[in-house]
Amino acid sequence: QLQISIPLSEQTIDITMDSKELNDKGVLTSET
């Protein structure tokens, strides 16, 4: 999931991402 949170009902707002940017690596191991 990629998420972004937008504050509401404020005079000034910060738009911040709740989660860090996705950067995952992995290896799919084979059967024999």
ModelCIF file with pLDDT and N, C-alpha, C, O atoms, coordinates in Angstrom:
data_MODEL
#
_entry.id   MODEL 
#
_entity.id                         1 
_entity.type                       polymer 
_entity.pdbx_number_of_molecules   1 
#
_entity_poly.entity_id                      1 
_entity_poly.type                           'polypeptide(L)' 
_entity_poly.nstd_linkage                   no 
_entity_poly.nstd_monomer                   no 
_entity_poly.pdbx_seq_one_letter_code       QLQISIPLSEQTIDITMDSKELNDKGVLTSET 
_entity_poly.pdbx_seq_one_letter_code_can   QLQISIPLSEQTIDITMDSKELNDKGVLTSET 
_entity_poly.pdbx_strand_id                 A 
#
loop_
_entity_poly_seq.entity_id 
_entity_poly_seq.num 
_entity_poly_seq.mon_id 
_entity_poly_seq.hetero 
1 1  GLN n 
1 2  LEU n 
1 3  GLN n 
1 4  ILE n 
1 5  SER n 
1 6  ILE n 
1 7  PRO n 
1 8  LEU n 
1 9  SER n 
1 10 GLU n 
1 11 GLN n 
1 12 THR n 
1 13 ILE n 
1 14 ASP n 
1 15 ILE n 
1 16 THR n 
1 17 MET n 
1 18 ASP n 
1 19 SER n 
1 20 LYS n 
1 21 GLU n 
1 22 LEU n 
1 23 ASN n 
1 24 ASP n 
1 25 LYS n 
1 26 GLY n 
1 27 VAL n 
1 28 LEU n 
1 29 THR n 
1 30 SER n 
1 31 GLU n 
1 32 THR n 
#
_struct_asym.id          A 
_struct_asym.entity_id   1 
#
loop_
_ma_qa_metric.id 
_ma_qa_metric.mode 
_ma_qa_metric.name 
_ma_qa_metric.software_group_id 
_ma_qa_metric.type 
1 global pLDDT . pLDDT 
2 local  pLDDT . pLDDT 
#
_ma_qa_metric_global.metric_id      1 
_ma_qa_metric_global.metric_value   82.09 
_ma_qa_metric_global.model_id       1 
_ma_qa_metric_global.ordinal_id     1 
#
loop_
_ma_qa_metric_local.label_asym_id 
_ma_qa_metric_local.label_comp_id 
_ma_qa_metric_local.label_seq_id 
_ma_qa_metric_local.metric_id 
_ma_qa_metric_local.metric_value 
_ma_qa_metric_local.model_id 
_ma_qa_metric_local.ordinal_id 
A GLN 1  2 92.00 1 1  
A LEU 2  2 93.00 1 2  
A GLN 3  2 93.00 1 3  
A ILE 4  2 93.00 1 4  
A SER 5  2 92.00 1 5  
A ILE 6  2 92.00 1 6  
A PRO 7  2 92.00 1 7  
A LEU 8  2 92.00 1 8  
A SER 9  2 88.00 1 9  
A GLU 10 2 88.00 1 10 
A GLN 11 2 86.00 1 11 
A THR 12 2 85.00 1 12 
A ILE 13 2 84.00 1 13 
A ASP 14 2 79.00 1 14 
A ILE 15 2 77.00 1 15 
A THR 16 2 71.00 1 16 
A MET 17 2 59.00 1 17 
A ASP 18 2 61.00 1 18 
A SER 19 2 59.00 1 19 
A LYS 20 2 68.00 1 20 
A GLU 21 2 78.00 1 21 
A LEU 22 2 89.00 1 22 
A ASN 23 2 91.00 1 23 
A ASP 24 2 92.00 1 24 
A LYS 25 2 92.00 1 25 
A GLY 26 2 91.00 1 26 
A VAL 27 2 91.00 1 27 
A LEU 28 2 87.00 1 28 
A THR 29 2 82.00 1 29 
A SER 30 2 72.00 1 30 
A GLU 31 2 62.00 1 31 
A THR 32 2 56.00 1 32 
#
loop_
_atom_site.group_PDB 
_atom_site.id 
_atom_site.type_symbol 
_atom_site.label_atom_id 
_atom_site.label_alt_id 
_atom_site.label_comp_id 
_atom_site.label_asym_id 
_atom_site.label_entity_id 
_atom_site.label_seq_id 
_atom_site.pdbx_PDB_ins_code 
_atom_site.Cartn_x 
_atom_site.Cartn_y 
_atom_site.Cartn_z 
_atom_site.occupancy 
_atom_site.B_iso_or_equiv 
_atom_site.pdbx_formal_charge 
_atom_site.auth_seq_id 
_atom_site.auth_comp_id 
_atom_site.auth_asym_id 
_atom_site.auth_atom_id 
_atom_site.pdbx_PDB_model_num 
ATOM 1   N N  . GLN A 1 1  ? 0.838   -1.199  0.000  1.00 92.00 ? 1  GLN A N  1 
ATOM 2   C CA . GLN A 1 1  ? 0.000   0.000   0.000  1.00 92.00 ? 1  GLN A CA 1 
ATOM 3   C C  . GLN A 1 1  ? 0.872   1.248   0.000  1.00 92.00 ? 1  GLN A C  1 
ATOM 4   O O  . GLN A 1 1  ? 1.862   1.338   0.727  1.00 92.00 ? 1  GLN A O  1 
ATOM 5   N N  . LEU A 1 2  ? 0.484   2.202   -0.827 1.00 93.00 ? 2  LEU A N  1 
ATOM 6   C CA . LEU A 1 2  ? 1.077   3.542   -0.795 1.00 93.00 ? 2  LEU A CA 1 
ATOM 7   C C  . LEU A 1 2  ? -0.002  4.496   -0.307 1.00 93.00 ? 2  LEU A C  1 
ATOM 8   O O  . LEU A 1 2  ? -1.112  4.509   -0.840 1.00 93.00 ? 2  LEU A O  1 
ATOM 9   N N  . GLN A 1 3  ? 0.320   5.297   0.710  1.00 93.00 ? 3  GLN A N  1 
ATOM 10  C CA . GLN A 1 3  ? -0.696  6.165   1.315  1.00 93.00 ? 3  GLN A CA 1 
ATOM 11  C C  . GLN A 1 3  ? -0.215  7.611   1.411  1.00 93.00 ? 3  GLN A C  1 
ATOM 12  O O  . GLN A 1 3  ? 0.973   7.892   1.566  1.00 93.00 ? 3  GLN A O  1 
ATOM 13  N N  . ILE A 1 4  ? -1.172  8.497   1.314  1.00 93.00 ? 4  ILE A N  1 
ATOM 14  C CA . ILE A 1 4  ? -0.910  9.913   1.566  1.00 93.00 ? 4  ILE A CA 1 
ATOM 15  C C  . ILE A 1 4  ? -2.059  10.457  2.399  1.00 93.00 ? 4  ILE A C  1 
ATOM 16  O O  . ILE A 1 4  ? -3.223  10.138  2.156  1.00 93.00 ? 4  ILE A O  1 
ATOM 17  N N  . SER A 1 5  ? -1.726  11.276  3.376  1.00 92.00 ? 5  SER A N  1 
ATOM 18  C CA . SER A 1 5  ? -2.724  11.806  4.298  1.00 92.00 ? 5  SER A CA 1 
ATOM 19  C C  . SER A 1 5  ? -2.852  13.319  4.097  1.00 92.00 ? 5  SER A C  1 
ATOM 20  O O  . SER A 1 5  ? -1.857  14.041  4.161  1.00 92.00 ? 5  SER A O  1 
ATOM 21  N N  . ILE A 1 6  ? -4.085  13.802  3.853  1.00 92.00 ? 6  ILE A N  1 
ATOM 22  C CA . ILE A 1 6  ? -4.355  15.226  3.623  1.00 92.00 ? 6  ILE A CA 1 
ATOM 23  C C  . ILE A 1 6  ? -5.190  15.762  4.791  1.00 92.00 ? 6  ILE A C  1 
ATOM 24  O O  . ILE A 1 6  ? -6.342  15.362  4.955  1.00 92.00 ? 6  ILE A O  1 
ATOM 25  N N  . PRO A 1 7  ? -4.628  16.656  5.598  1.00 92.00 ? 7  PRO A N  1 
ATOM 26  C CA . PRO A 1 7  ? -5.400  17.230  6.717  1.00 92.00 ? 7  PRO A CA 1 
ATOM 27  C C  . PRO A 1 7  ? -6.577  18.074  6.201  1.00 92.00 ? 7  PRO A C  1 
ATOM 28  O O  . PRO A 1 7  ? -6.501  18.687  5.136  1.00 92.00 ? 7  PRO A O  1 
ATOM 29  N N  . LEU A 1 8  ? -7.656  18.089  6.977  1.00 92.00 ? 8  LEU A N  1 
ATOM 30  C CA . LEU A 1 8  ? -8.846  18.860  6.626  1.00 92.00 ? 8  LEU A CA 1 
ATOM 31  C C  . LEU A 1 8  ? -9.208  19.798  7.776  1.00 92.00 ? 8  LEU A C  1 
ATOM 32  O O  . LEU A 1 8  ? -8.788  19.612  8.919  1.00 92.00 ? 8  LEU A O  1 
ATOM 33  N N  . SER A 1 9  ? -10.011 20.821  7.428  1.00 88.00 ? 9  SER A N  1 
ATOM 34  C CA . SER A 1 9  ? -10.558 21.749  8.427  1.00 88.00 ? 9  SER A CA 1 
ATOM 35  C C  . SER A 1 9  ? -9.470  22.436  9.237  1.00 88.00 ? 9  SER A C  1 
ATOM 36  O O  . SER A 1 9  ? -9.570  22.567  10.456 1.00 88.00 ? 9  SER A O  1 
ATOM 37  N N  . GLU A 1 10 ? -8.421  22.873  8.532  1.00 88.00 ? 10 GLU A N  1 
ATOM 38  C CA . GLU A 1 10 ? -7.339  23.618  9.169  1.00 88.00 ? 10 GLU A CA 1 
ATOM 39  C C  . GLU A 1 10 ? -7.101  24.899  8.361  1.00 88.00 ? 10 GLU A C  1 
ATOM 40  O O  . GLU A 1 10 ? -7.412  24.966  7.172  1.00 88.00 ? 10 GLU A O  1 
ATOM 41  N N  . GLN A 1 11 ? -6.541  25.913  9.035  1.00 86.00 ? 11 GLN A N  1 
ATOM 42  C CA . GLN A 1 11 ? -6.233  27.140  8.311  1.00 86.00 ? 11 GLN A CA 1 
ATOM 43  C C  . GLN A 1 11 ? -5.040  26.942  7.382  1.00 86.00 ? 11 GLN A C  1 
ATOM 44  O O  . GLN A 1 11 ? -5.058  27.349  6.221  1.00 86.00 ? 11 GLN A O  1 
ATOM 45  N N  . THR A 1 12 ? -4.017  26.314  7.920  1.00 85.00 ? 12 THR A N  1 
ATOM 46  C CA . THR A 1 12 ? -2.881  25.927  7.082  1.00 85.00 ? 12 THR A CA 1 
ATOM 47  C C  . THR A 1 12 ? -2.661  24.439  7.270  1.00 85.00 ? 12 THR A C  1 
ATOM 48  O O  . THR A 1 12 ? -2.905  23.886  8.342  1.00 85.00 ? 12 THR A O  1 
ATOM 49  N N  . ILE A 1 13 ? -2.205  23.818  6.229  1.00 84.00 ? 13 ILE A N  1 
ATOM 50  C CA . ILE A 1 13 ? -2.105  22.357  6.314  1.00 84.00 ? 13 ILE A CA 1 
ATOM 51  C C  . ILE A 1 13 ? -0.748  21.884  5.819  1.00 84.00 ? 13 ILE A C  1 
ATOM 52  O O  . ILE A 1 13 ? -0.088  22.517  4.996  1.00 84.00 ? 13 ILE A O  1 
ATOM 53  N N  . ASP A 1 14 ? -0.375  20.752  6.358  1.00 79.00 ? 14 ASP A N  1 
ATOM 54  C CA . ASP A 1 14 ? 0.762   19.992  5.844  1.00 79.00 ? 14 ASP A CA 1 
ATOM 55  C C  . ASP A 1 14 ? 0.199   18.726  5.212  1.00 79.00 ? 14 ASP A C  1 
ATOM 56  O O  . ASP A 1 14 ? -0.619  18.041  5.827  1.00 79.00 ? 14 ASP A O  1 
ATOM 57  N N  . ILE A 1 15 ? 0.615   18.415  4.024  1.00 77.00 ? 15 ILE A N  1 
ATOM 58  C CA . ILE A 1 15 ? 0.225   17.152  3.402  1.00 77.00 ? 15 ILE A CA 1 
ATOM 59  C C  . ILE A 1 15 ? 1.400   16.199  3.572  1.00 77.00 ? 15 ILE A C  1 
ATOM 60  O O  . ILE A 1 15 ? 2.475   16.419  3.015  1.00 77.00 ? 15 ILE A O  1 
ATOM 61  N N  . THR A 1 16 ? 1.192   15.160  4.330  1.00 71.00 ? 16 THR A N  1 
ATOM 62  C CA . THR A 1 16 ? 2.287   14.239  4.638  1.00 71.00 ? 16 THR A CA 1 
ATOM 63  C C  . THR A 1 16 ? 1.903   12.815  4.244  1.00 71.00 ? 16 THR A C  1 
ATOM 64  O O  . THR A 1 16 ? 0.729   12.444  4.240  1.00 71.00 ? 16 THR A O  1 
ATOM 65  N N  . MET A 1 17 ? 2.909   12.044  3.920  1.00 59.00 ? 17 MET A N  1 
ATOM 66  C CA . MET A 1 17 ? 2.704   10.625  3.625  1.00 59.00 ? 17 MET A CA 1 
ATOM 67  C C  . MET A 1 17 ? 2.824   9.834   4.916  1.00 59.00 ? 17 MET A C  1 
ATOM 68  O O  . MET A 1 17 ? 3.794   9.976   5.660  1.00 59.00 ? 17 MET A O  1 
ATOM 69  N N  . ASP A 1 18 ? 1.830   9.002   5.170  1.00 61.00 ? 18 ASP A N  1 
ATOM 70  C CA . ASP A 1 18 ? 1.860   8.185   6.383  1.00 61.00 ? 18 ASP A CA 1 
ATOM 71  C C  . ASP A 1 18 ? 2.928   7.099   6.307  1.00 61.00 ? 18 ASP A C  1 
ATOM 72  O O  . ASP A 1 18 ? 3.513   6.753   7.333  1.00 61.00 ? 18 ASP A O  1 
ATOM 73  N N  . SER A 1 19 ? 3.197   6.554   5.130  1.00 59.00 ? 19 SER A N  1 
ATOM 74  C CA . SER A 1 19 ? 4.179   5.483   4.986  1.00 59.00 ? 19 SER A CA 1 
ATOM 75  C C  . SER A 1 19 ? 5.356   5.963   4.153  1.00 59.00 ? 19 SER A C  1 
ATOM 76  O O  . SER A 1 19 ? 5.236   6.864   3.323  1.00 59.00 ? 19 SER A O  1 
ATOM 77  N N  . LYS A 1 20 ? 6.481   5.342   4.398  1.00 68.00 ? 20 LYS A N  1 
ATOM 78  C CA . LYS A 1 20 ? 7.658   5.685   3.636  1.00 68.00 ? 20 LYS A CA 1 
ATOM 79  C C  . LYS A 1 20 ? 7.510   5.184   2.208  1.00 68.00 ? 20 LYS A C  1 
ATOM 80  O O  . LYS A 1 20 ? 6.668   4.338   1.907  1.00 68.00 ? 20 LYS A O  1 
ATOM 81  N N  . GLU A 1 21 ? 8.336   5.718   1.354  1.00 78.00 ? 21 GLU A N  1 
ATOM 82  C CA . GLU A 1 21 ? 8.326   5.246   -0.024 1.00 78.00 ? 21 GLU A CA 1 
ATOM 83  C C  . GLU A 1 21 ? 8.750   3.780   -0.056 1.00 78.00 ? 21 GLU A C  1 
ATOM 84  O O  . GLU A 1 21 ? 9.630   3.355   0.693  1.00 78.00 ? 21 GLU A O  1 
ATOM 85  N N  . LEU A 1 22 ? 8.117   3.032   -0.921 1.00 89.00 ? 22 LEU A N  1 
ATOM 86  C CA . LEU A 1 22 ? 8.351   1.589   -1.011 1.00 89.00 ? 22 LEU A CA 1 
ATOM 87  C C  . LEU A 1 22 ? 9.630   1.322   -1.790 1.00 89.00 ? 22 LEU A C  1 
ATOM 88  O O  . LEU A 1 22 ? 9.835   1.833   -2.891 1.00 89.00 ? 22 LEU A O  1 
ATOM 89  N N  . ASN A 1 23 ? 10.487  0.498   -1.176 1.00 91.00 ? 23 ASN A N  1 
ATOM 90  C CA . ASN A 1 23 ? 11.727  0.116   -1.855 1.00 91.00 ? 23 ASN A CA 1 
ATOM 91  C C  . ASN A 1 23 ? 12.162  -1.242  -1.300 1.00 91.00 ? 23 ASN A C  1 
ATOM 92  O O  . ASN A 1 23 ? 13.051  -1.331  -0.452 1.00 91.00 ? 23 ASN A O  1 
ATOM 93  N N  . ASP A 1 24 ? 11.524  -2.273  -1.791 1.00 92.00 ? 24 ASP A N  1 
ATOM 94  C CA . ASP A 1 24 ? 11.762  -3.626  -1.288 1.00 92.00 ? 24 ASP A CA 1 
ATOM 95  C C  . ASP A 1 24 ? 12.453  -4.480  -2.334 1.00 92.00 ? 24 ASP A C  1 
ATOM 96  O O  . ASP A 1 24 ? 12.154  -4.399  -3.526 1.00 92.00 ? 24 ASP A O  1 
ATOM 97  N N  . LYS A 1 25 ? 13.386  -5.305  -1.862 1.00 92.00 ? 25 LYS A N  1 
ATOM 98  C CA . LYS A 1 25 ? 14.081  -6.249  -2.734 1.00 92.00 ? 25 LYS A CA 1 
ATOM 99  C C  . LYS A 1 25 ? 13.962  -7.646  -2.140 1.00 92.00 ? 25 LYS A C  1 
ATOM 100 O O  . LYS A 1 25 ? 13.836  -7.814  -0.927 1.00 92.00 ? 25 LYS A O  1 
ATOM 101 N N  . GLY A 1 26 ? 14.004  -8.632  -3.007 1.00 91.00 ? 26 GLY A N  1 
ATOM 102 C CA . GLY A 1 26 ? 13.920  -10.006 -2.539 1.00 91.00 ? 26 GLY A CA 1 
ATOM 103 C C  . GLY A 1 26 ? 14.392  -10.986 -3.588 1.00 91.00 ? 26 GLY A C  1 
ATOM 104 O O  . GLY A 1 26 ? 14.648  -10.625 -4.737 1.00 91.00 ? 26 GLY A O  1 
ATOM 105 N N  . VAL A 1 27 ? 14.504  -12.238 -3.168 1.00 91.00 ? 27 VAL A N  1 
ATOM 106 C CA . VAL A 1 27 ? 14.937  -13.308 -4.069 1.00 91.00 ? 27 VAL A CA 1 
ATOM 107 C C  . VAL A 1 27 ? 13.945  -14.456 -3.969 1.00 91.00 ? 27 VAL A C  1 
ATOM 108 O O  . VAL A 1 27 ? 13.607  -14.909 -2.876 1.00 91.00 ? 27 VAL A O  1 
ATOM 109 N N  . LEU A 1 28 ? 13.488  -14.914 -5.113 1.00 87.00 ? 28 LEU A N  1 
ATOM 110 C CA . LEU A 1 28 ? 12.614  -16.088 -5.169 1.00 87.00 ? 28 LEU A CA 1 
ATOM 111 C C  . LEU A 1 28 ? 13.500  -17.309 -5.353 1.00 87.00 ? 28 LEU A C  1 
ATOM 112 O O  . LEU A 1 28 ? 14.074  -17.514 -6.423 1.00 87.00 ? 28 LEU A O  1 
ATOM 113 N N  . THR A 1 29 ? 13.610  -18.122 -4.304 1.00 82.00 ? 29 THR A N  1 
ATOM 114 C CA . THR A 1 29 ? 14.470  -19.295 -4.393 1.00 82.00 ? 29 THR A CA 1 
ATOM 115 C C  . THR A 1 29 ? 13.766  -20.402 -5.146 1.00 82.00 ? 29 THR A C  1 
ATOM 116 O O  . THR A 1 29 ? 12.547  -20.556 -5.069 1.00 82.00 ? 29 THR A O  1 
ATOM 117 N N  . SER A 1 30 ? 14.551  -21.161 -5.867 1.00 72.00 ? 30 SER A N  1 
ATOM 118 C CA . SER A 1 30 ? 13.976  -22.236 -6.676 1.00 72.00 ? 30 SER A CA 1 
ATOM 119 C C  . SER A 1 30 ? 13.966  -23.525 -5.890 1.00 72.00 ? 30 SER A C  1 
ATOM 120 O O  . SER A 1 30 ? 14.722  -23.695 -4.933 1.00 72.00 ? 30 SER A O  1 
ATOM 121 N N  . GLU A 1 31 ? 13.103  -24.427 -6.304 1.00 62.00 ? 31 GLU A N  1 
ATOM 122 C CA . GLU A 1 31 ? 13.141  -25.771 -5.786 1.00 62.00 ? 31 GLU A CA 1 
ATOM 123 C C  . GLU A 1 31 ? 14.334  -26.457 -6.432 1.00 62.00 ? 31 GLU A C  1 
ATOM 124 O O  . GLU A 1 31 ? 14.914  -25.921 -7.376 1.00 62.00 ? 31 GLU A O  1 
ATOM 125 N N  . THR A 1 32 ? 14.706  -27.621 -5.946 1.00 56.00 ? 32 THR A N  1 
ATOM 126 C CA . THR A 1 32 ? 15.878  -28.296 -6.489 1.00 56.00 ? 32 THR A CA 1 
ATOM 127 C C  . THR A 1 32 ? 15.709  -28.547 -7.974 1.00 56.00 ? 32 THR A C  1 
ATOM 128 O O  . THR A 1 32 ? 16.600  -29.111 -8.610 1.00 56.00 ? 32 THR A O  1 
#
